[in-house]
């Protein structure tokens, strides 16, 4: 039978779960990635808004630190020394089954999470009915894009197609452009 936690105990558990996720990921995560992993795709932190508040509480408490300049939500969050220390003392408060679920999920999805943060794409509509598609590549520890490509698409459908193809073709496109423009002797 599962123990019913008080609100305070649940908040502590939710914070420990988030610390555990960040520790197991081994790379900084965007706020969207943290919310997606902890609250949307998994119910490890049941309330989405609580999850969002926890990120900011732990940043202010110096358990997480924020990297970046706030460019389009690309700020990255990672554990501080204090966050790692806190987790090392208290991780056993996270139920074993939850720790196992988190470890399994992250082992399977780590590369997908990483690539979703590294290869991003957005579009916006122009006055003439066309769409500007903005394709970006980020390095894992840097919140400013290392590569950005803007193209004009004639329709929303073609903009969506470009965005869909970007995730799988970004590395090859970047490599091709880089080789053609940059002399690496």
Protein backbone atom coordinates (compact mmCIF):
# COMPACT_ATOMS: atom_id res chain seq x y z
CA UNK A 1 0.00 0.00 0.00
CA UNK A 2 1.36 3.37 -1.04
CA UNK A 3 1.98 5.90 1.71
CA UNK A 4 0.01 9.13 1.40
CA UNK A 5 2.39 12.07 1.56
CA UNK A 6 1.73 15.47 3.02
CA UNK A 7 2.01 18.42 0.64
CA UNK A 8 5.43 19.30 2.03
CA UNK A 9 6.69 15.71 1.71
CA UNK A 10 5.39 15.57 -1.88
CA UNK A 11 7.20 18.82 -2.73
CA UNK A 12 10.46 17.46 -1.30
CA UNK A 13 10.01 14.22 -3.27
CA UNK A 14 9.27 16.17 -6.47
CA UNK A 15 12.44 18.22 -6.00
CA UNK A 16 14.50 15.09 -5.42
CA UNK A 17 13.01 13.49 -8.53
CA UNK A 18 14.00 16.53 -10.59
CA UNK A 19 17.53 16.47 -9.17
CA UNK A 20 17.73 12.75 -9.94
CA UNK A 21 16.59 13.31 -13.55
CA UNK A 22 19.16 16.06 -14.10
CA UNK A 23 21.87 13.93 -12.54
CA UNK A 24 21.04 10.92 -14.73
CA UNK A 25 20.82 13.01 -17.92
CA UNK A 26 24.42 14.20 -17.42
CA UNK A 27 23.83 17.24 -19.64
CA UNK A 28 22.10 20.56 -18.91
CA UNK A 29 18.44 20.62 -19.93
CA UNK A 30 16.11 23.37 -21.09
CA UNK A 31 13.08 24.15 -18.95
CA UNK A 32 10.87 22.64 -21.66
CA UNK A 33 12.86 19.40 -21.61
CA UNK A 34 12.64 19.16 -17.83
CA UNK A 35 8.89 19.79 -17.89
CA UNK A 36 8.43 17.31 -20.71
CA UNK A 37 10.42 14.55 -19.01
CA UNK A 38 9.15 15.02 -15.45
CA UNK A 39 5.56 16.07 -15.93
CA UNK A 40 4.24 15.65 -19.47
CA UNK A 41 5.58 12.30 -20.71
CA UNK A 42 5.91 10.83 -17.23
CA UNK A 43 3.92 11.52 -14.08
CA UNK A 44 6.94 11.69 -11.80
CA UNK A 45 5.90 15.24 -10.93
CA UNK A 46 2.15 15.16 -11.40
CA UNK A 47 1.37 18.87 -11.59
CA UNK A 48 2.92 20.72 -14.53
CA UNK A 49 2.74 24.10 -12.78
CA UNK A 50 4.37 22.66 -9.64
CA UNK A 51 7.14 21.30 -11.83
CA UNK A 52 7.69 24.74 -13.35
CA UNK A 53 7.77 26.35 -9.89
CA UNK A 54 10.21 23.73 -8.59
CA UNK A 55 12.72 24.61 -11.33
CA UNK A 56 12.68 28.24 -10.25
CA UNK A 57 12.68 27.45 -6.51
CA UNK A 58 15.70 25.18 -6.86
CA UNK A 59 17.51 27.76 -8.98
CA UNK A 60 16.95 30.39 -6.28
CA UNK A 61 18.02 27.85 -3.61
CA UNK A 62 21.27 27.21 -5.51
CA UNK A 63 20.48 23.53 -6.17
CA UNK A 64 20.29 24.25 -9.91
CA UNK A 65 22.08 26.84 -11.95
CA UNK A 66 20.94 28.50 -15.12
CA UNK A 67 23.18 28.84 -18.16
CA UNK A 68 22.31 31.18 -20.98
CA UNK A 69 20.89 34.49 -21.88
CA UNK A 70 17.20 33.65 -22.07
CA UNK A 71 17.20 33.45 -25.89
CA UNK A 72 13.83 31.92 -26.83
CA UNK A 73 13.64 29.62 -23.83
CA UNK A 74 17.04 28.10 -24.51
CA UNK A 75 18.34 28.68 -21.01
CA UNK A 76 19.86 25.49 -19.70
CA UNK A 77 19.60 24.12 -16.18
CA UNK A 78 22.11 21.88 -14.48
CA UNK A 79 22.91 20.66 -10.98
CA UNK A 80 25.14 22.74 -8.74
CA UNK A 81 27.58 21.16 -6.32
CA UNK A 82 24.98 21.74 -3.59
CA UNK A 83 22.32 20.02 -5.73
CA UNK A 84 24.52 16.97 -6.23
CA UNK A 85 25.36 16.86 -2.54
CA UNK A 86 21.70 17.16 -1.55
CA UNK A 87 20.79 14.33 -3.92
CA UNK A 88 23.59 12.11 -2.63
CA UNK A 89 22.25 12.40 0.92
CA UNK A 90 18.55 12.11 0.15
CA UNK A 91 18.14 10.07 -3.04
CA UNK A 92 16.90 7.06 -1.04
CA UNK A 93 13.75 9.04 -0.27
CA UNK A 94 12.83 8.53 -3.92
CA UNK A 95 11.07 5.16 -4.08
CA UNK A 96 13.23 2.47 -5.66
CA UNK A 97 10.61 1.80 -8.35
CA UNK A 98 10.58 5.49 -9.33
CA UNK A 99 14.38 5.60 -9.53
CA UNK A 100 14.33 2.51 -11.73
CA UNK A 101 11.62 3.97 -13.99
CA UNK A 102 13.57 7.21 -14.37
CA UNK A 103 16.82 5.37 -15.10
CA UNK A 104 15.15 3.15 -17.72
CA UNK A 105 13.33 6.02 -19.39
CA UNK A 106 16.44 8.17 -19.61
CA UNK A 107 18.59 5.31 -20.86
CA UNK A 108 16.15 4.79 -23.74
CA UNK A 109 15.39 8.47 -24.45
CA UNK A 110 18.62 10.33 -23.61
CA UNK A 111 19.68 10.76 -27.24
CA UNK A 112 16.20 11.93 -28.30
CA UNK A 113 16.14 14.53 -25.53
CA UNK A 114 19.64 15.67 -26.44
CA UNK A 115 18.85 16.02 -30.14
CA UNK A 116 15.55 17.81 -29.45
CA UNK A 117 17.57 20.44 -27.59
CA UNK A 118 20.33 20.62 -30.19
CA UNK A 119 18.22 20.80 -33.36
CA UNK A 120 15.34 23.26 -33.13
CA UNK A 121 13.00 24.66 -35.75
CA UNK A 122 10.26 27.27 -35.75
CA UNK A 123 8.30 29.19 -38.33
CA UNK A 124 6.27 32.38 -38.53
CA UNK A 125 3.85 33.69 -41.11
CA UNK A 126 4.73 36.64 -43.33
CA UNK A 127 2.28 39.28 -44.53
CA UNK A 128 2.39 37.84 -48.07
CA UNK A 129 1.19 34.42 -46.83
CA UNK A 130 4.59 32.74 -47.01
CA UNK A 131 6.43 31.46 -43.94
CA UNK A 132 9.90 32.11 -42.55
CA UNK A 133 11.40 28.87 -41.26
CA UNK A 134 14.20 29.25 -38.70
CA UNK A 135 16.41 26.20 -38.22
CA UNK A 136 19.01 26.15 -35.46
CA UNK A 137 21.73 23.92 -34.06
CA UNK A 138 22.86 24.36 -30.46
CA UNK A 139 25.87 22.92 -28.71
CA UNK A 140 24.95 21.07 -25.49
CA UNK A 141 26.49 23.56 -23.04
CA UNK A 142 25.83 26.77 -24.95
CA UNK A 143 22.47 28.50 -25.13
CA UNK A 144 23.29 30.60 -28.21
CA UNK A 145 22.90 28.83 -31.57
CA UNK A 146 26.13 27.79 -33.24
CA UNK A 147 24.30 27.58 -36.58
CA UNK A 148 21.14 29.28 -37.79
CA UNK A 149 19.48 29.02 -41.17
CA UNK A 150 16.44 31.04 -42.25
CA UNK A 151 14.51 30.00 -45.31
CA UNK A 152 11.26 31.17 -46.86
CA UNK A 153 8.60 28.53 -47.46
CA UNK A 154 5.64 29.18 -49.78
CA UNK A 155 3.04 27.48 -47.55
CA UNK A 156 2.44 26.30 -44.00
CA UNK A 157 2.60 22.71 -45.20
CA UNK A 158 6.06 23.19 -46.71
CA UNK A 159 7.21 25.01 -43.54
CA UNK A 160 6.03 22.04 -41.47
CA UNK A 161 7.78 19.62 -43.85
CA UNK A 162 11.05 21.54 -43.46
CA UNK A 163 10.72 21.47 -39.67
CA UNK A 164 9.95 17.76 -39.69
CA UNK A 165 12.95 16.95 -41.93
CA UNK A 166 15.32 19.19 -39.94
CA UNK A 167 15.69 16.82 -36.96
CA UNK A 168 17.09 14.02 -39.12
CA UNK A 169 19.00 16.10 -41.69
CA UNK A 170 20.50 18.84 -39.51
CA UNK A 171 23.89 17.17 -38.96
CA UNK A 172 24.40 16.45 -42.68
CA UNK A 173 23.27 19.92 -43.75
CA UNK A 174 25.54 21.58 -41.22
CA UNK A 175 28.51 19.43 -42.23
CA UNK A 176 27.99 20.16 -45.92
CA UNK A 177 27.72 23.93 -45.42
CA UNK A 178 30.63 24.01 -43.00
CA UNK A 179 32.91 22.09 -45.39
CA UNK A 180 32.01 24.38 -48.28
CA UNK A 181 32.52 27.61 -46.34
CA UNK A 182 35.25 26.95 -43.81
CA UNK A 183 38.77 25.93 -44.80
CA UNK A 184 40.05 23.43 -42.22
CA UNK A 185 43.74 22.93 -43.04
